[in-house]
Protein backbone atom coordinates (compact mmCIF):
# COMPACT_ATOMS: atom_id res chain seq x y z
CA MET A 1 81.82 -28.43 17.65
CA SER A 2 79.71 -27.14 14.77
CA GLY A 3 76.05 -26.94 13.91
CA PRO A 4 74.64 -28.30 10.68
CA SER A 5 75.79 -26.26 7.72
CA LYS A 6 73.25 -24.31 5.73
CA ILE A 7 75.54 -24.28 2.71
CA VAL A 8 75.08 -26.41 -0.36
CA THR A 9 78.47 -27.48 -1.69
CA LEU A 10 79.37 -25.22 -4.57
CA PRO A 11 79.29 -26.88 -7.99
CA SER A 12 82.20 -26.61 -10.37
CA ALA A 13 82.70 -23.33 -12.15
CA ALA A 14 81.44 -24.85 -15.40
CA SER A 15 78.13 -26.00 -13.91
CA ARG A 16 77.55 -23.24 -11.36
CA PRO A 17 74.14 -21.63 -12.08
CA ALA A 18 73.93 -17.99 -13.00
CA THR A 19 73.30 -15.68 -10.05
CA ARG A 20 69.98 -13.87 -9.73
CA ARG A 21 71.54 -10.93 -7.94
CA LYS A 22 71.46 -7.56 -9.62
CA PRO A 23 74.47 -7.27 -11.98
CA GLY A 24 77.27 -4.83 -11.34
CA LEU A 25 77.48 -1.49 -13.08
CA GLY A 26 80.18 -2.58 -15.51
CA ILE A 27 83.52 -1.10 -16.49
CA ASN A 28 82.06 1.93 -18.27
CA ALA A 29 79.58 2.94 -15.58
CA GLY A 30 79.81 5.68 -13.01
CA THR A 31 78.05 8.98 -12.49
CA SER A 32 81.10 11.20 -12.19
CA GLY A 33 83.55 9.67 -14.61
CA VAL A 34 84.79 6.99 -12.21
CA PRO A 35 84.81 3.55 -13.87
CA THR A 36 83.35 0.58 -12.07
CA LEU A 37 86.25 -1.82 -11.72
CA LEU A 38 84.37 -4.67 -10.04
CA PRO A 39 83.17 -7.83 -11.82
CA LYS A 40 79.62 -7.95 -13.15
CA LYS A 41 78.86 -11.45 -11.85
CA GLN A 42 77.97 -11.66 -8.16
CA ILE A 43 77.38 -14.67 -5.93
CA HIS A 44 75.63 -14.27 -2.60
CA LEU A 45 77.58 -15.71 0.33
CA ALA A 46 75.48 -17.53 2.95
CA THR A 47 76.68 -18.72 6.35
CA VAL A 48 75.79 -20.74 9.40
CA GLN A 49 75.01 -18.61 12.45
CA PRO A 50 77.91 -16.94 14.32
CA GLY A 51 78.78 -19.00 17.38
CA GLU A 52 77.87 -22.35 15.79
CA ARG A 53 81.55 -23.00 15.19
CA THR A 54 84.47 -22.63 17.58
CA ASP A 55 88.24 -22.80 17.39
CA LEU A 56 90.29 -25.29 19.41
CA SER A 57 90.22 -23.03 22.46
CA GLY A 58 86.41 -22.98 22.38
CA LYS A 59 86.13 -19.36 21.26
CA PRO A 60 83.32 -18.69 18.77
CA ILE A 61 84.12 -18.19 15.11
CA ARG A 62 82.58 -15.05 13.58
CA ASN A 63 84.63 -14.84 10.40
CA ILE A 64 82.22 -15.02 7.48
CA ILE A 65 84.38 -17.18 5.21
CA LEU A 66 84.88 -19.75 7.97
CA LEU A 67 81.13 -19.74 8.64
CA ALA A 68 80.38 -20.17 4.93
CA ILE A 69 82.31 -23.35 4.19
CA PRO A 70 80.69 -26.78 4.70
CA ALA A 71 81.11 -28.52 8.04
CA GLU A 72 83.42 -31.19 6.63
CA GLU A 73 85.84 -28.57 5.31
CA TYR A 74 85.83 -26.64 8.58
CA LYS A 75 86.53 -29.89 10.43
CA LYS A 76 89.69 -30.34 8.33
CA LEU A 77 90.85 -26.77 8.90
CA ARG A 78 89.97 -26.43 12.60
CA PRO A 79 93.02 -28.27 14.05
CA GLN A 80 95.29 -25.80 12.23
CA LEU A 81 93.62 -22.65 13.57
CA GLU A 82 95.39 -20.62 16.25
CA TYR A 83 93.41 -18.02 18.21
CA LEU A 84 95.02 -14.60 18.01
CA GLU A 85 94.28 -11.24 19.61
CA ALA A 86 94.86 -8.23 17.39
CA PRO A 87 95.68 -5.14 19.46
CA TYR A 88 96.17 -1.77 17.82
CA HIS A 89 99.07 -1.78 15.34
CA ARG A 90 99.77 -5.52 15.40
CA THR A 91 101.50 -6.34 12.11
CA PHE A 92 100.41 -9.43 10.16
CA GLN A 93 102.40 -8.92 6.97
CA GLU A 94 105.32 -6.79 5.89
CA SER A 95 105.62 -5.35 2.40
CA ARG A 96 107.81 -7.41 0.06
CA GLN A 97 108.20 -10.18 2.66
CA SER A 98 107.07 -13.81 2.52
CA ILE A 99 103.46 -14.53 3.50
CA ASP A 100 103.96 -17.03 6.33
CA SER A 101 100.33 -17.25 7.50
CA ALA A 102 96.74 -16.24 6.84
CA TYR A 103 94.62 -14.41 9.39
CA PHE A 104 90.81 -14.69 9.50
CA PRO A 105 89.44 -11.79 11.62
CA ASN A 106 86.45 -12.38 13.88
CA SER A 107 86.30 -8.69 14.76
CA GLY A 108 88.24 -5.46 14.31
CA ILE A 109 89.79 -4.09 11.13
CA VAL A 110 93.12 -4.83 9.49
CA SER A 111 94.43 -2.16 7.13
CA LEU A 112 96.35 -2.94 3.96
CA VAL A 113 98.80 -0.10 3.38
CA ILE A 114 101.11 0.70 0.47
CA THR A 115 104.29 2.55 1.44
CA THR A 116 106.84 4.40 -0.69
CA GLY A 117 110.59 4.68 -0.28
CA ASP A 118 110.28 8.15 1.25
CA GLY A 119 107.95 6.89 4.00
CA ARG A 120 104.63 8.05 2.60
CA SER A 121 101.69 5.65 2.73
CA VAL A 122 98.13 5.29 1.46
CA GLU A 123 95.20 2.93 1.86
CA ALA A 124 95.19 -0.19 -0.30
CA GLY A 125 92.19 -1.75 1.44
CA ILE A 126 90.72 -3.01 4.68
CA VAL A 127 89.83 -6.49 5.93
CA GLY A 128 87.34 -7.33 8.65
CA LYS A 129 85.18 -10.29 9.56
CA GLU A 130 84.20 -10.69 5.88
CA GLY A 131 87.62 -11.76 4.69
CA VAL A 132 91.13 -12.99 5.24
CA VAL A 133 94.53 -11.35 5.43
CA GLY A 134 96.72 -13.42 3.13
CA ALA A 135 94.02 -14.43 0.64
CA GLY A 136 96.72 -14.44 -2.02
CA ILE A 137 97.94 -17.77 -0.64
CA ALA A 138 94.96 -19.39 -2.37
CA VAL A 139 96.11 -18.12 -5.76
CA GLY A 140 99.79 -18.93 -5.26
CA LEU A 141 101.04 -15.55 -4.04
CA LYS A 142 104.18 -15.90 -1.92
CA ILE A 143 105.24 -12.29 -1.30
CA SER A 144 103.04 -9.64 0.31
CA PRO A 145 102.60 -6.51 -1.83
CA GLN A 146 101.62 -4.38 1.19
CA ILE A 147 101.76 -4.02 4.95
CA ALA A 148 98.84 -5.55 6.86
CA VAL A 149 98.39 -3.96 10.28
CA SER A 150 95.57 -3.95 12.84
CA GLN A 151 94.00 -0.50 13.08
CA VAL A 152 90.82 -1.34 15.00
CA PRO A 153 91.55 -3.90 17.76
CA GLY A 154 89.87 -7.26 17.49
CA ASP A 155 90.61 -10.97 17.38
CA GLY A 156 90.61 -13.89 14.96
CA VAL A 157 92.38 -17.10 14.01
CA ARG A 158 95.64 -17.67 12.19
CA VAL A 159 96.78 -20.62 10.09
CA LYS A 160 100.29 -21.22 8.78
CA THR A 161 100.71 -20.99 5.01
CA GLU A 162 101.82 -24.58 4.43
CA ALA A 163 99.01 -25.98 6.58
CA LEU A 164 96.47 -23.85 4.73
CA LYS A 165 97.77 -24.90 1.32
CA ALA A 166 97.54 -28.57 2.33
CA THR A 167 93.95 -28.07 3.52
CA LEU A 168 92.92 -26.22 0.36
CA THR A 169 93.63 -29.29 -1.78
CA ALA A 170 90.67 -31.01 -0.09
CA ALA A 171 88.52 -27.93 0.56
CA PRO A 172 87.11 -26.60 -2.74
CA ASN A 173 84.62 -24.25 -1.08
CA LEU A 174 87.32 -22.62 1.05
CA GLN A 175 89.48 -22.35 -2.08
CA PHE A 176 86.60 -20.75 -3.97
CA TRP A 177 85.75 -18.15 -1.31
CA MET A 178 89.38 -17.23 -0.72
CA ASN A 179 89.85 -16.83 -4.47
CA ARG A 180 86.69 -14.76 -4.66
CA PHE A 181 87.78 -12.53 -1.79
CA ALA A 182 91.23 -12.06 -3.35
CA GLN A 183 89.59 -11.06 -6.64
CA ILE A 184 87.22 -8.57 -5.05
CA GLN A 185 89.96 -7.18 -2.79
CA THR A 186 92.23 -6.57 -5.79
CA LEU A 187 89.48 -4.71 -7.60
CA LEU A 188 88.60 -2.69 -4.50
CA VAL A 189 92.23 -1.54 -4.43
CA ALA A 190 91.82 -0.31 -8.01
CA GLN A 191 88.53 1.40 -7.12
CA SER A 192 90.21 3.10 -4.15
CA ALA A 193 93.03 4.30 -6.41
CA ALA A 194 90.49 5.90 -8.74
CA CYS A 195 88.70 7.39 -5.75
CA ASN A 196 91.88 8.85 -4.24
CA ARG A 197 92.72 10.46 -7.58
CA LEU A 198 89.31 11.87 -8.49
CA HIS A 199 87.36 12.64 -5.31
CA GLY A 200 87.64 15.17 -2.51
CA ILE A 201 88.77 14.41 1.02
CA GLU A 202 85.27 14.76 2.55
CA GLN A 203 83.79 12.26 0.07
CA ARG A 204 86.65 9.82 0.63
CA LEU A 205 86.39 10.14 4.41
CA ALA A 206 82.65 9.45 4.24
CA ARG A 207 83.29 6.37 2.08
CA TRP A 208 85.94 5.05 4.42
CA LEU A 209 83.77 5.53 7.52
CA LEU A 210 80.89 3.68 5.87
CA MET A 211 83.13 0.78 4.85
CA SER A 212 84.51 0.59 8.39
CA GLN A 213 81.05 0.64 9.96
CA ASP A 214 79.92 -2.17 7.63
CA ARG A 215 82.63 -4.38 9.11
CA LEU A 216 82.26 -3.37 12.76
CA ASP A 217 78.46 -3.57 13.23
CA SER A 218 78.70 -0.48 15.42
CA GLU A 219 77.83 3.20 15.16
CA ALA A 220 81.15 3.99 16.86
CA VAL A 221 84.31 3.66 14.76
CA PRO A 222 87.53 3.93 16.84
CA LEU A 223 89.91 5.85 14.58
CA THR A 224 92.65 8.39 15.14
CA HIS A 225 93.58 11.41 13.00
CA GLU A 226 96.90 9.74 12.26
CA PHE A 227 95.26 6.57 10.98
CA LEU A 228 92.69 8.41 8.86
CA ALA A 229 95.43 10.54 7.31
CA GLU A 230 97.39 7.39 6.46
CA MET A 231 94.35 5.67 4.95
CA LEU A 232 93.35 8.68 2.86
CA GLY A 233 96.86 9.62 1.78
CA THR A 234 96.68 13.14 3.15
CA GLY A 235 97.84 15.21 6.12
CA ARG A 236 96.24 15.34 9.55
CA PRO A 237 95.09 18.97 9.09
CA SER A 238 93.11 17.95 5.99
CA VAL A 239 91.47 15.12 7.92
CA SER A 240 90.53 17.53 10.71
CA VAL A 241 88.91 19.92 8.24
CA ALA A 242 87.00 17.11 6.49
CA ALA A 243 85.80 15.63 9.79
CA ALA A 244 84.67 19.07 10.94
CA ILE A 245 82.64 19.54 7.74
CA LEU A 246 80.89 16.19 8.21
CA GLN A 247 80.28 16.96 11.87
CA ARG A 248 78.78 20.39 11.16
CA ALA A 249 76.46 18.70 8.65
CA GLY A 250 75.17 16.48 11.47
CA LEU A 251 76.51 13.27 9.92
CA ILE A 252 79.13 12.29 12.50
CA GLU A 253 80.31 13.18 15.98
CA TYR A 254 84.07 13.18 16.33
CA THR A 255 85.88 12.99 19.64
CA ARG A 256 89.46 12.05 20.28
CA GLY A 257 90.00 8.58 18.84
CA THR A 258 86.36 7.80 18.01
CA VAL A 259 83.98 8.68 15.19
CA MET A 260 80.27 8.18 15.88
CA VAL A 261 78.08 7.85 12.78
CA VAL A 262 74.84 9.62 13.71
CA ASN A 263 73.22 9.92 10.27
CA ARG A 264 74.19 7.01 8.05
CA LYS A 265 71.83 7.86 5.18
CA GLY A 266 73.21 11.38 5.12
CA LEU A 267 76.77 10.04 5.20
CA GLU A 268 75.98 7.79 2.23
CA LYS A 269 74.81 10.86 0.29
CA ALA A 270 77.99 12.71 1.25
CA ALA A 271 80.20 9.87 0.03
CA CYS A 272 81.29 9.53 -3.58
CA GLU A 273 79.69 6.94 -5.88
CA CYS A 274 82.62 4.63 -5.19
CA TYR A 275 80.89 3.51 -1.99
CA GLN A 276 77.72 2.56 -3.88
CA ILE A 277 79.83 0.62 -6.38
CA ILE A 278 81.65 -1.19 -3.59
CA GLN A 279 78.44 -1.79 -1.64
CA GLN A 280 76.99 -3.83 -4.50
CA PHE A 281 79.38 -6.60 -3.56
CA ASN A 282 78.50 -6.68 0.13
CA GLY A 283 76.44 -9.79 -0.63
CA ASP A 284 79.54 -11.53 -1.95
CA LEU A 285 81.31 -10.62 1.28
CA GLY A 286 78.41 -11.54 3.58
CA LEU A 287 78.00 -7.96 4.80
CA ASN A 288 74.27 -7.59 4.18
């Protein structure tokens, strides 16, 4: 069912040793007046190998949080996991509705979207194999503050809220990593808000493509104009212009429904410093 875990059980918060990872930039940092909103302390997340764990249907687990917890905790959680396919636009949570389950993606991308009363929407964040949709359950959140919808098809496992809460009482590592993900996700939302206010559409598009590629392990990112406009809080014509600029610079190739990153280093230079700030915490999320 599962190979031997490579994780040492996390000590209590009081006795946990200080990390040796490079500290974050801090709240007053930033090269263009954008504050760093992420915590200074970082903890590297280690995992067993993908495929060493399976769900009840025998499908391999690739979600990083589920690969990071000790074998005894996964054994407790496994009977509650339900395999789920996530086609384009499958909804996992509705804004201002009860959170009835958590979803741990194995692949694909789930978008967290804030909507207004007049129907406008903007990116609040994205979740891939590094995280969990519904992380707020671990900190007592009952109502979803945003819509969670699949934007890049994939699959994963779902667990009902009450079953997860019962498991968390005997799974301190799972509790810790869900709390940690919820903390980082909240701060990424704040960083995105600063980015949307202060940076141009080409920089924001470059940042978003890099974040998506980090979670997909692929040069090809299947995205539509409509989705990119929604994520960046702008109109489709603006997205088309920004994509054309990046394409003329030789950074991406854009065809209908798919963006191919052809020069990642160049795309990183084209992105705003928000991506570099966010990237510092890839170790926490198991993305490097």
